[in-house]
Amino acid sequence: MAQSNMRKRQQLTGWVLVLPAVLVLLLVYAYPIGRAFWLSLFTQNLGTQLEPVATGLGNYARIWGDGAFWNSIWNTTVFTVIALTLELILGMAIALVLNRSFRGRGVVRTIAILPWALPTAIMALAWTWIFNDQYGVVNDILMRLGLIDSGINWLGDPTLAMISVITADVWKTTSFVSILLLAGLQSIPQDLYEAHAIEGATPWQSFRQITLPLLMPQILIAALFRFAQSFGIFDLIQVMTEGGPGGSTQMVALYIYDNVRRYLDFGYGAALVVITFLILIAVVAIAFYVLERVRKSAGAEM
């Protein structure tokens, strides 16, 4: 009986300590989403009407026939999948290098995180000049190497524009992924590698049989962070291409911005926000499910 009362008091203490954080989360996340859902039930375009009109789920029905929205979802998916894949591969390679002991490792680690620390808008402006068709560094290097005869309009071609914004995003955010993976690498005991090497395992076998399984939780966490950030990308695209050419790099966040800020269609913009939020929640739920399975599998192996 005494243990039961003590457990209840501990649970109550835990809830009291957690309650301020829960309230902050509700104010920061739950209220805006709830407000967006409420606004999505009305139609109000300040360019044509002053008073909101209740339309129920009419804005959501409108989404299904909105080709521009689904095109922005497709562009965002392509951008996210390619950028995230490259960031995980390059981030893993950088983390493996930074995990080794060498002179000046602390300085190199500091330099490696600098791209992530730069403001995205400033970095995007720099990449816009790098890919400039007349004065850009990329065209200058390619022409000096004799690979092209005239400047390539990187940001004026749909495919090349997508490649350009992906390159800029990968350059900036790979360092963030590498730092997360480096933290995971440093938590793996070196004794495991030594014992594996004594058994005759090659470095590749150690990486595949030790590093990857034990690092999988950090990989999934990094992928989850980067997915949420990439799927909501706005400032990089706004500065470099503004969604062009021809909507080929228009991401979902930019499309929502256009509907709300340019066209003043607040109800429809709110509906787009809710749908995008539900997509993110679904992906996060799947990621947490996979992470839990990985943790259980790792615990069973240990």
C-alpha atoms as a PDB file:
ATOM      1  CA  MET A   1       0.000   0.000   0.000  1.00  0.00           C
ATOM      2  CA  ALA A   2       2.836   2.338   0.898  1.00  0.00           C
ATOM      3  CA  GLN A   3       4.582   1.563  -2.397  1.00  0.00           C
ATOM      4  CA  SER A   4       1.369   2.280  -4.292  1.00  0.00           C
ATOM      5  CA  ASN A   5       0.999   5.686  -2.602  1.00  0.00           C
ATOM      6  CA  MET A   6       4.643   6.494  -3.279  1.00  0.00           C
ATOM      7  CA  ARG A   7       4.218   5.581  -6.940  1.00  0.00           C
ATOM      8  CA  LYS A   8       1.178   7.823  -7.204  1.00  0.00           C
ATOM      9  CA  ARG A   9       3.045  10.715  -5.609  1.00  0.00           C
ATOM     10  CA  GLN A  10       5.932  10.209  -8.009  1.00  0.00           C
ATOM     11  CA  GLN A  11       3.556  10.194 -10.974  1.00  0.00           C
ATOM     12  CA  LEU A  12       1.854  13.344  -9.703  1.00  0.00           C
ATOM     13  CA  THR A  13       5.235  15.037  -9.250  1.00  0.00           C
ATOM     14  CA  GLY A  14       6.199  14.026 -12.764  1.00  0.00           C
ATOM     15  CA  TRP A  15       3.009  15.521 -14.223  1.00  0.00           C
ATOM     16  CA  VAL A  16       3.523  18.742 -12.272  1.00  0.00           C
ATOM     17  CA  LEU A  17       7.048  19.052 -13.666  1.00  0.00           C
ATOM     18  CA  VAL A  18       5.963  18.228 -17.213  1.00  0.00           C
ATOM     19  CA  LEU A  19       2.840  20.414 -17.208  1.00  0.00           C
ATOM     20  CA  PRO A  20       4.604  23.735 -18.076  1.00  0.00           C
ATOM     21  CA  ALA A  21       6.260  22.128 -21.111  1.00  0.00           C
ATOM     22  CA  VAL A  22       2.936  20.598 -22.189  1.00  0.00           C
ATOM     23  CA  LEU A  23       1.223  23.983 -21.941  1.00  0.00           C
ATOM     24  CA  VAL A  24       3.963  25.609 -24.021  1.00  0.00           C
ATOM     25  CA  LEU A  25       3.615  22.900 -26.692  1.00  0.00           C
ATOM     26  CA  LEU A  26      -0.145  23.381 -26.761  1.00  0.00           C
ATOM     27  CA  LEU A  27       0.242  27.125 -27.223  1.00  0.00           C
ATOM     28  CA  VAL A  28       2.981  26.843 -29.820  1.00  0.00           C
ATOM     29  CA  TYR A  29       1.608  23.936 -31.869  1.00  0.00           C
ATOM     30  CA  ALA A  30      -1.929  22.894 -30.958  1.00  0.00           C
ATOM     31  CA  TYR A  31      -3.513  26.356 -30.971  1.00  0.00           C
ATOM     32  CA  PRO A  32      -2.142  27.451 -34.392  1.00  0.00           C
ATOM     33  CA  ILE A  33      -3.202  24.171 -36.011  1.00  0.00           C
ATOM     34  CA  GLY A  34      -6.615  24.350 -34.362  1.00  0.00           C
ATOM     35  CA  ARG A  35      -6.982  27.952 -35.498  1.00  0.00           C
ATOM     36  CA  ALA A  36      -5.952  26.981 -39.032  1.00  0.00           C
ATOM     37  CA  PHE A  37      -8.568  24.205 -39.091  1.00  0.00           C
ATOM     38  CA  TRP A  38     -11.256  26.644 -37.936  1.00  0.00           C
ATOM     39  CA  LEU A  39     -10.299  29.163 -40.623  1.00  0.00           C
ATOM     40  CA  SER A  40     -10.311  26.402 -43.252  1.00  0.00           C
ATOM     41  CA  LEU A  41     -14.057  25.984 -42.691  1.00  0.00           C
ATOM     42  CA  PHE A  42     -14.673  29.482 -44.066  1.00  0.00           C
ATOM     43  CA  THR A  43     -14.060  31.244 -47.334  1.00  0.00           C
ATOM     44  CA  GLN A  44     -12.800  34.797 -47.246  1.00  0.00           C
ATOM     45  CA  ASN A  45     -10.931  36.462 -50.052  1.00  0.00           C
ATOM     46  CA  LEU A  46     -10.255  40.083 -49.132  1.00  0.00           C
ATOM     47  CA  GLY A  47      -9.973  40.903 -52.796  1.00  0.00           C
ATOM     48  CA  THR A  48     -13.633  39.994 -53.448  1.00  0.00           C
ATOM     49  CA  GLN A  49     -15.432  39.838 -50.090  1.00  0.00           C
ATOM     50  CA  LEU A  50     -15.123  41.385 -46.659  1.00  0.00           C
ATOM     51  CA  GLU A  51     -17.027  38.919 -44.481  1.00  0.00           C
ATOM     52  CA  PRO A  52     -16.091  35.230 -44.169  1.00  0.00           C
ATOM     53  CA  VAL A  53     -18.651  32.703 -45.439  1.00  0.00           C
ATOM     54  CA  ALA A  54     -18.951  29.283 -43.813  1.00  0.00           C
ATOM     55  CA  THR A  55     -18.288  26.573 -46.411  1.00  0.00           C
ATOM     56  CA  GLY A  56     -17.696  23.547 -44.210  1.00  0.00           C
ATOM     57  CA  LEU A  57     -15.311  21.185 -45.954  1.00  0.00           C
ATOM     58  CA  GLY A  58     -15.600  23.028 -49.246  1.00  0.00           C
ATOM     59  CA  ASN A  59     -11.985  24.187 -49.149  1.00  0.00           C
ATOM     60  CA  TYR A  60     -10.824  20.595 -48.671  1.00  0.00           C
ATOM     61  CA  ALA A  61     -12.937  19.434 -51.612  1.00  0.00           C
ATOM     62  CA  ARG A  62     -11.310  22.168 -53.662  1.00  0.00           C
ATOM     63  CA  ILE A  63      -7.851  20.777 -52.873  1.00  0.00           C
ATOM     64  CA  TRP A  64      -8.487  17.516 -54.732  1.00  0.00           C
ATOM     65  CA  GLY A  65      -8.937  19.347 -58.007  1.00  0.00           C
ATOM     66  CA  ASP A  66      -6.087  21.798 -57.473  1.00  0.00           C
ATOM     67  CA  GLY A  67      -3.380  20.685 -59.885  1.00  0.00           C
ATOM     68  CA  ALA A  68      -0.999  23.409 -58.728  1.00  0.00           C
ATOM     69  CA  PHE A  69      -1.133  22.110 -55.155  1.00  0.00           C
ATOM     70  CA  TRP A  70      -0.406  18.525 -56.163  1.00  0.00           C
ATOM     71  CA  ASN A  71       2.383  19.761 -58.407  1.00  0.00           C
ATOM     72  CA  SER A  72       3.881  21.551 -55.392  1.00  0.00           C
ATOM     73  CA  ILE A  73       3.532  18.339 -53.355  1.00  0.00           C
ATOM     74  CA  TRP A  74       5.356  16.444 -56.104  1.00  0.00           C
ATOM     75  CA  ASN A  75       8.123  19.066 -56.295  1.00  0.00           C
ATOM     76  CA  THR A  76       8.482  19.025 -52.514  1.00  0.00           C
ATOM     77  CA  THR A  77       8.627  15.220 -52.448  1.00  0.00           C
ATOM     78  CA  VAL A  78      11.304  15.093 -55.156  1.00  0.00           C
ATOM     79  CA  PHE A  79      13.317  17.797 -53.412  1.00  0.00           C
ATOM     80  CA  THR A  80      12.995  16.126 -50.003  1.00  0.00           C
ATOM     81  CA  VAL A  81      13.811  12.571 -51.119  1.00  0.00           C
ATOM     82  CA  ILE A  82      16.869  13.501 -53.192  1.00  0.00           C
ATOM     83  CA  ALA A  83      18.234  16.063 -50.722  1.00  0.00           C
ATOM     84  CA  LEU A  84      17.663  13.794 -47.725  1.00  0.00           C
ATOM     85  CA  THR A  85      19.330  10.815 -49.421  1.00  0.00           C
ATOM     86  CA  LEU A  86      22.404  12.844 -50.364  1.00  0.00           C
ATOM     87  CA  GLU A  87      22.608  14.443 -46.922  1.00  0.00           C
ATOM     88  CA  LEU A  88      22.519  11.060 -45.162  1.00  0.00           C
ATOM     89  CA  ILE A  89      25.192   9.576 -47.431  1.00  0.00           C
ATOM     90  CA  LEU A  90      27.511  12.581 -47.280  1.00  0.00           C
ATOM     91  CA  GLY A  91      26.761  13.164 -43.603  1.00  0.00           C
ATOM     92  CA  MET A  92      27.713   9.583 -42.791  1.00  0.00           C
ATOM     93  CA  ALA A  93      30.981   9.912 -44.731  1.00  0.00           C
ATOM     94  CA  ILE A  94      31.873  13.162 -42.952  1.00  0.00           C
ATOM     95  CA  ALA A  95      30.934  11.738 -39.553  1.00  0.00           C
ATOM     96  CA  LEU A  96      33.167   8.696 -40.110  1.00  0.00           C
ATOM     97  CA  VAL A  97      36.086  10.988 -40.981  1.00  0.00           C
ATOM     98  CA  LEU A  98      35.501  13.304 -38.012  1.00  0.00           C
ATOM     99  CA  ASN A  99      35.241  10.317 -35.683  1.00  0.00           C
ATOM    100  CA  ARG A 100      38.860   9.379 -36.356  1.00  0.00           C
ATOM    101  CA  SER A 101      41.753  10.788 -34.360  1.00  0.00           C
ATOM    102  CA  PHE A 102      43.957  13.256 -36.244  1.00  0.00           C
ATOM    103  CA  ARG A 103      45.715  16.519 -35.556  1.00  0.00           C
ATOM    104  CA  GLY A 104      43.410  19.519 -35.705  1.00  0.00           C
ATOM    105  CA  ARG A 105      40.244  17.449 -35.425  1.00  0.00           C
ATOM    106  CA  GLY A 106      38.563  20.056 -33.211  1.00  0.00           C
ATOM    107  CA  VAL A 107      39.172  22.815 -35.754  1.00  0.00           C
ATOM    108  CA  VAL A 108      37.869  20.655 -38.595  1.00  0.00           C
ATOM    109  CA  ARG A 109      34.729  19.819 -36.614  1.00  0.00           C
ATOM    110  CA  THR A 110      34.114  23.509 -36.001  1.00  0.00           C
ATOM    111  CA  ILE A 111      34.555  24.358 -39.676  1.00  0.00           C
ATOM    112  CA  ALA A 112      32.270  21.483 -40.662  1.00  0.00           C
ATOM    113  CA  ILE A 113      29.310  23.002 -38.791  1.00  0.00           C
ATOM    114  CA  LEU A 114      29.731  26.500 -40.267  1.00  0.00           C
ATOM    115  CA  PRO A 115      27.450  25.967 -43.315  1.00  0.00           C
ATOM    116  CA  TRP A 116      24.600  25.038 -40.988  1.00  0.00           C
ATOM    117  CA  ALA A 117      25.167  28.173 -38.918  1.00  0.00           C
ATOM    118  CA  LEU A 118      24.848  30.528 -41.895  1.00  0.00           C
ATOM    119  CA  PRO A 119      21.460  32.249 -42.394  1.00  0.00           C
ATOM    120  CA  THR A 120      19.588  30.455 -45.148  1.00  0.00           C
ATOM    121  CA  ALA A 121      18.573  33.607 -47.017  1.00  0.00           C
ATOM    122  CA  ILE A 122      22.160  34.879 -47.209  1.00  0.00           C
ATOM    123  CA  MET A 123      23.434  31.459 -48.234  1.00  0.00           C
ATOM    124  CA  ALA A 124      20.721  31.170 -50.904  1.00  0.00           C
ATOM    125  CA  LEU A 125      21.660  34.579 -52.300  1.00  0.00           C
ATOM    126  CA  ALA A 126      25.283  33.443 -52.557  1.00  0.00           C
ATOM    127  CA  TRP A 127      24.249  30.274 -54.402  1.00  0.00           C
ATOM    128  CA  THR A 128      22.116  32.351 -56.746  1.00  0.00           C
ATOM    129  CA  TRP A 129      25.254  34.219 -57.806  1.00  0.00           C
ATOM    130  CA  ILE A 130      27.224  30.964 -57.996  1.00  0.00           C
ATOM    131  CA  PHE A 131      24.692  29.594 -60.511  1.00  0.00           C
ATOM    132  CA  ASN A 132      24.312  32.881 -62.396  1.00  0.00           C
ATOM    133  CA  ASP A 133      24.391  32.182 -66.147  1.00  0.00           C
ATOM    134  CA  GLN A 134      26.679  35.132 -66.942  1.00  0.00           C
ATOM    135  CA  TYR A 135      28.868  35.727 -63.897  1.00  0.00           C
ATOM    136  CA  GLY A 136      28.487  32.493 -61.936  1.00  0.00           C
ATOM    137  CA  VAL A 137      31.443  30.514 -60.635  1.00  0.00           C
ATOM    138  CA  VAL A 138      30.025  27.199 -61.847  1.00  0.00           C
ATOM    139  CA  ASN A 139      29.858  28.291 -65.486  1.00  0.00           C
ATOM    140  CA  ASP A 140      33.276  29.917 -65.235  1.00  0.00           C
ATOM    141  CA  ILE A 141      34.862  26.695 -63.969  1.00  0.00           C
ATOM    142  CA  LEU A 142      33.138  24.573 -66.606  1.00  0.00           C
ATOM    143  CA  MET A 143      34.216  26.943 -69.393  1.00  0.00           C
ATOM    144  CA  ARG A 144      37.818  26.983 -68.141  1.00  0.00           C
ATOM    145  CA  LEU A 145      37.793  23.177 -68.178  1.00  0.00           C
ATOM    146  CA  GLY A 146      36.469  23.215 -71.748  1.00  0.00           C
ATOM    147  CA  LEU A 147      33.278  21.329 -70.798  1.00  0.00           C
ATOM    148  CA  ILE A 148      30.926  24.029 -72.108  1.00  0.00           C
ATOM    149  CA  ASP A 149      31.203  26.781 -74.722  1.00  0.00           C
ATOM    150  CA  SER A 150      28.654  29.211 -73.269  1.00  0.00           C
ATOM    151  CA  GLY A 151      27.040  29.842 -69.929  1.00  0.00           C
ATOM    152  CA  ILE A 152      24.268  27.512 -68.764  1.00  0.00           C
ATOM    153  CA  ASN A 153      21.096  29.092 -67.440  1.00  0.00           C
ATOM    154  CA  TRP A 154      20.990  26.957 -64.302  1.00  0.00           C
ATOM    155  CA  LEU A 155      18.049  28.705 -62.669  1.00  0.00           C
ATOM    156  CA  GLY A 156      16.116  29.153 -65.925  1.00  0.00           C
ATOM    157  CA  ASP A 157      15.746  25.481 -66.813  1.00  0.00           C
ATOM    158  CA  PRO A 158      13.206  23.378 -64.827  1.00  0.00           C
ATOM    159  CA  THR A 159      15.477  20.376 -64.271  1.00  0.00           C
ATOM    160  CA  LEU A 160      18.638  22.389 -63.670  1.00  0.00           C
ATOM    161  CA  ALA A 161      16.801  24.718 -61.296  1.00  0.00           C
ATOM    162  CA  MET A 162      15.741  21.752 -59.153  1.00  0.00           C
ATOM    163  CA  ILE A 163      19.316  20.435 -59.193  1.00  0.00           C
ATOM    164  CA  SER A 164      20.591  23.870 -58.160  1.00  0.00           C
ATOM    165  CA  VAL A 165      18.305  24.270 -55.152  1.00  0.00           C
ATOM    166  CA  ILE A 166      19.005  20.697 -54.043  1.00  0.00           C
ATOM    167  CA  THR A 167      22.744  21.368 -54.271  1.00  0.00           C
ATOM    168  CA  ALA A 168      22.419  24.491 -52.146  1.00  0.00           C
ATOM    169  CA  ASP A 169      20.310  22.711 -49.536  1.00  0.00           C
ATOM    170  CA  VAL A 170      22.669  19.718 -49.355  1.00  0.00           C
ATOM    171  CA  TRP A 171      25.678  22.001 -48.940  1.00  0.00           C
ATOM    172  CA  LYS A 172      24.060  23.794 -46.024  1.00  0.00           C
ATOM    173  CA  THR A 173      22.436  20.952 -44.094  1.00  0.00           C
ATOM    174  CA  THR A 174      24.807  18.012 -44.552  1.00  0.00           C
ATOM    175  CA  SER A 175      26.903  19.333 -41.676  1.00  0.00           C
ATOM    176  CA  PHE A 176      23.877  19.143 -39.357  1.00  0.00           C
ATOM    177  CA  VAL A 177      23.343  15.492 -40.273  1.00  0.00           C
ATOM    178  CA  SER A 178      27.036  14.711 -39.837  1.00  0.00           C
ATOM    179  CA  ILE A 179      27.076  16.171 -36.305  1.00  0.00           C
ATOM    180  CA  LEU A 180      24.070  14.061 -35.278  1.00  0.00           C
ATOM    181  CA  LEU A 181      25.650  10.921 -36.708  1.00  0.00           C
ATOM    182  CA  LEU A 182      29.005  11.777 -35.144  1.00  0.00           C
ATOM    183  CA  ALA A 183      27.355  11.887 -31.721  1.00  0.00           C
ATOM    184  CA  GLY A 184      25.974   8.416 -32.386  1.00  0.00           C
ATOM    185  CA  LEU A 185      29.341   7.087 -33.561  1.00  0.00           C
ATOM    186  CA  GLN A 186      31.047   8.271 -30.383  1.00  0.00           C
ATOM    187  CA  SER A 187      28.556   6.296 -28.297  1.00  0.00           C
ATOM    188  CA  ILE A 188      29.572   2.978 -29.912  1.00  0.00           C
ATOM    189  CA  PRO A 189      32.202   1.138 -27.802  1.00  0.00           C
ATOM    190  CA  GLN A 190      35.504   0.605 -29.593  1.00  0.00           C
ATOM    191  CA  ASP A 191      35.766  -2.820 -27.995  1.00  0.00           C
ATOM    192  CA  LEU A 192      33.146  -4.087 -30.427  1.00  0.00           C
ATOM    193  CA  TYR A 193      35.287  -3.122 -33.418  1.00  0.00           C
ATOM    194  CA  GLU A 194      38.424  -4.633 -31.873  1.00  0.00           C
ATOM    195  CA  ALA A 195      36.692  -7.921 -31.132  1.00  0.00           C
ATOM    196  CA  HIS A 196      35.221  -7.970 -34.627  1.00  0.00           C
ATOM    197  CA  ALA A 197      38.632  -7.321 -36.163  1.00  0.00           C
ATOM    198  CA  ILE A 198      40.168 -10.168 -34.134  1.00  0.00           C
ATOM    199  CA  GLU A 199      37.563 -12.479 -35.662  1.00  0.00           C
ATOM    200  CA  GLY A 200      38.842 -11.476 -39.099  1.00  0.00           C
ATOM    201  CA  ALA A 201      36.172  -8.960 -40.096  1.00  0.00           C
ATOM    202  CA  THR A 202      37.033  -6.321 -42.678  1.00  0.00           C
ATOM    203  CA  PRO A 203      36.297  -2.600 -42.081  1.00  0.00           C
ATOM    204  CA  TRP A 204      33.334  -2.827 -44.443  1.00  0.00           C
ATOM    205  CA  GLN A 205      31.923  -5.792 -42.519  1.00  0.00           C
ATOM    206  CA  SER A 206      32.357  -3.902 -39.248  1.00  0.00           C
ATOM    207  CA  PHE A 207      30.572  -0.912 -40.719  1.00  0.00           C
ATOM    208  CA  ARG A 208      27.709  -3.034 -42.012  1.00  0.00           C
ATOM    209  CA  GLN A 209      27.338  -5.340 -38.996  1.00  0.00           C
ATOM    210  CA  ILE A 210      28.174  -2.958 -36.119  1.00  0.00           C
ATOM    211  CA  THR A 211      28.049   0.689 -37.140  1.00  0.00           C
ATOM    212  CA  LEU A 212      24.840   0.730 -39.170  1.00  0.00           C
ATOM    213  CA  PRO A 213      22.668  -1.326 -36.771  1.00  0.00           C
ATOM    214  CA  LEU A 214      23.788   0.621 -33.693  1.00  0.00           C
ATOM    215  CA  LEU A 215      23.610   3.942 -35.493  1.00  0.00           C
ATOM    216  CA  MET A 216      20.155   3.362 -36.966  1.00  0.00           C
ATOM    217  CA  PRO A 217      18.281   5.335 -34.232  1.00  0.00           C
ATOM    218  CA  GLN A 218      20.458   8.405 -34.892  1.00  0.00           C
ATOM    219  CA  ILE A 219      20.011   7.947 -38.640  1.00  0.00           C
ATOM    220  CA  LEU A 220      16.235   7.861 -38.283  1.00  0.00           C
ATOM    221  CA  ILE A 221      16.234  10.903 -35.984  1.00  0.00           C
ATOM    222  CA  ALA A 222      18.402  12.860 -38.435  1.00  0.00           C
ATOM    223  CA  ALA A 223      16.177  11.761 -41.314  1.00  0.00           C
ATOM    224  CA  LEU A 224      13.083  12.820 -39.372  1.00  0.00           C
ATOM    225  CA  PHE A 225      14.485  16.273 -38.597  1.00  0.00           C
ATOM    226  CA  ARG A 226      15.606  16.832 -42.141  1.00  0.00           C
ATOM    227  CA  PHE A 227      12.359  15.541 -43.627  1.00  0.00           C
ATOM    228  CA  ALA A 228      10.314  18.035 -41.613  1.00  0.00           C
ATOM    229  CA  GLN A 229      12.648  20.881 -42.558  1.00  0.00           C
ATOM    230  CA  SER A 230      12.909  19.935 -46.233  1.00  0.00           C
ATOM    231  CA  PHE A 231       9.173  19.413 -46.641  1.00  0.00           C
ATOM    232  CA  GLY A 232       8.592  22.907 -45.257  1.00  0.00           C
ATOM    233  CA  ILE A 233      11.383  24.566 -47.231  1.00  0.00           C
ATOM    234  CA  PHE A 234      10.565  28.174 -48.097  1.00  0.00           C
ATOM    235  CA  ASP A 235      13.325  30.764 -47.760  1.00  0.00           C
ATOM    236  CA  LEU A 236      15.864  28.937 -49.925  1.00  0.00           C
ATOM    237  CA  ILE A 237      13.385  28.554 -52.797  1.00  0.00           C
ATOM    238  CA  GLN A 238      11.985  32.063 -52.405  1.00  0.00           C
ATOM    239  CA  VAL A 239      15.436  33.630 -52.732  1.00  0.00           C
ATOM    240  CA  MET A 240      16.859  31.400 -55.475  1.00  0.00           C
ATOM    241  CA  THR A 241      13.964  30.749 -57.867  1.00  0.00           C
ATOM    242  CA  GLU A 242      10.696  32.069 -56.351  1.00  0.00           C
ATOM    243  CA  GLY A 243       9.198  28.748 -57.423  1.00  0.00           C
ATOM    244  CA  GLY A 244      10.173  29.074 -61.079  1.00  0.00           C
ATOM    245  CA  PRO A 245      10.738  28.519 -63.824  1.00  0.00           C
ATOM    246  CA  GLY A 246       7.131  27.658 -64.625  1.00  0.00           C
ATOM    247  CA  GLY A 247       6.428  26.344 -61.143  1.00  0.00           C
ATOM    248  CA  SER A 248       9.084  23.625 -61.455  1.00  0.00           C
ATOM    249  CA  THR A 249      10.544  24.441 -58.028  1.00  0.00           C
ATOM    250  CA  GLN A 250       7.399  25.673 -56.314  1.00  0.00           C
ATOM    251  CA  MET A 251       7.250  23.875 -52.978  1.00  0.00           C
ATOM    252  CA  VAL A 252       4.142  23.423 -50.877  1.00  0.00           C
ATOM    253  CA  ALA A 253       5.165  26.109 -48.365  1.00  0.00           C
ATOM    254  CA  LEU A 254       5.638  28.621 -51.174  1.00  0.00           C
ATOM    255  CA  TYR A 255       2.280  27.687 -52.685  1.00  0.00           C
ATOM    256  CA  ILE A 256       0.545  28.225 -49.340  1.00  0.00           C
ATOM    257  CA  TYR A 257       2.323  31.575 -49.015  1.00  0.00           C
ATOM    258  CA  ASP A 258       1.083  32.632 -52.447  1.00  0.00           C
ATOM    259  CA  ASN A 259      -2.529  31.776 -51.606  1.00  0.00           C
ATOM    260  CA  VAL A 260      -2.461  33.593 -48.279  1.00  0.00           C
ATOM    261  CA  ARG A 261      -0.211  36.585 -48.879  1.00  0.00           C
ATOM    262  CA  ARG A 262      -0.617  37.246 -52.588  1.00  0.00           C
ATOM    263  CA  TYR A 263      -4.168  36.100 -53.323  1.00  0.00           C
ATOM    264  CA  LEU A 264      -5.515  36.764 -49.788  1.00  0.00           C
ATOM    265  CA  ASP A 265      -7.415  33.465 -49.849  1.00  0.00           C
ATOM    266  CA  PHE A 266      -7.138  32.783 -46.127  1.00  0.00           C
ATOM    267  CA  GLY A 267      -9.638  29.925 -45.858  1.00  0.00           C
ATOM    268  CA  TYR A 268      -8.099  27.910 -48.656  1.00  0.00           C
ATOM    269  CA  GLY A 269      -4.594  28.651 -47.415  1.00  0.00           C
ATOM    270  CA  ALA A 270      -5.589  27.383 -43.959  1.00  0.00           C
ATOM    271  CA  ALA A 271      -6.943  24.180 -45.509  1.00  0.00           C
ATOM    272  CA  LEU A 272      -3.625  23.673 -47.297  1.00  0.00           C
ATOM    273  CA  VAL A 273      -1.815  24.130 -43.981  1.00  0.00           C
ATOM    274  CA  VAL A 274      -3.988  21.477 -42.311  1.00  0.00           C
ATOM    275  CA  ILE A 275      -3.481  18.950 -45.123  1.00  0.00           C
ATOM    276  CA  THR A 276       0.286  19.515 -45.103  1.00  0.00           C
ATOM    277  CA  PHE A 277       0.334  19.127 -41.328  1.00  0.00           C
ATOM    278  CA  LEU A 278      -1.532  15.801 -41.579  1.00  0.00           C
ATOM    279  CA  ILE A 279       0.986  14.555 -44.146  1.00  0.00           C
ATOM    280  CA  LEU A 280       3.850  15.447 -41.802  1.00  0.00           C
ATOM    281  CA  ILE A 281       2.110  13.767 -38.860  1.00  0.00           C
ATOM    282  CA  ALA A 282       1.628  10.575 -40.887  1.00  0.00           C
ATOM    283  CA  VAL A 283       5.301  10.454 -41.869  1.00  0.00           C
ATOM    284  CA  VAL A 284       6.428  11.181 -38.295  1.00  0.00           C
ATOM    285  CA  ALA A 285       4.176   8.407 -36.962  1.00  0.00           C
ATOM    286  CA  ILE A 286       5.664   5.941 -39.437  1.00  0.00           C
ATOM    287  CA  ALA A 287       9.181   7.071 -38.519  1.00  0.00           C
ATOM    288  CA  PHE A 288       8.532   6.615 -34.795  1.00  0.00           C
ATOM    289  CA  TYR A 289       7.098   3.158 -35.468  1.00  0.00           C
ATOM    290  CA  VAL A 290      10.210   2.170 -37.422  1.00  0.00           C
ATOM    291  CA  LEU A 291      12.442   3.677 -34.711  1.00  0.00           C
ATOM    292  CA  GLU A 292      10.689   1.661 -32.029  1.00  0.00           C
ATOM    293  CA  ARG A 293      11.101  -1.519 -34.041  1.00  0.00           C
ATOM    294  CA  VAL A 294      14.790  -0.770 -34.515  1.00  0.00           C
ATOM    295  CA  ARG A 295      15.270  -0.160 -30.793  1.00  0.00           C
ATOM    296  CA  LYS A 296      13.538  -3.411 -29.910  1.00  0.00           C
ATOM    297  CA  SER A 297      15.620  -5.282 -32.480  1.00  0.00           C
ATOM    298  CA  ALA A 298      18.855  -3.741 -31.178  1.00  0.00           C
ATOM    299  CA  GLY A 299      17.880  -4.549 -27.601  1.00  0.00           C
ATOM    300  CA  ALA A 300      17.140  -8.164 -28.512  1.00  0.00           C
ATOM    301  CA  GLU A 301      20.524  -8.535 -30.238  1.00  0.00           C
ATOM    302  CA  MET A 302      22.371  -7.041 -27.267  1.00  0.00           C
END
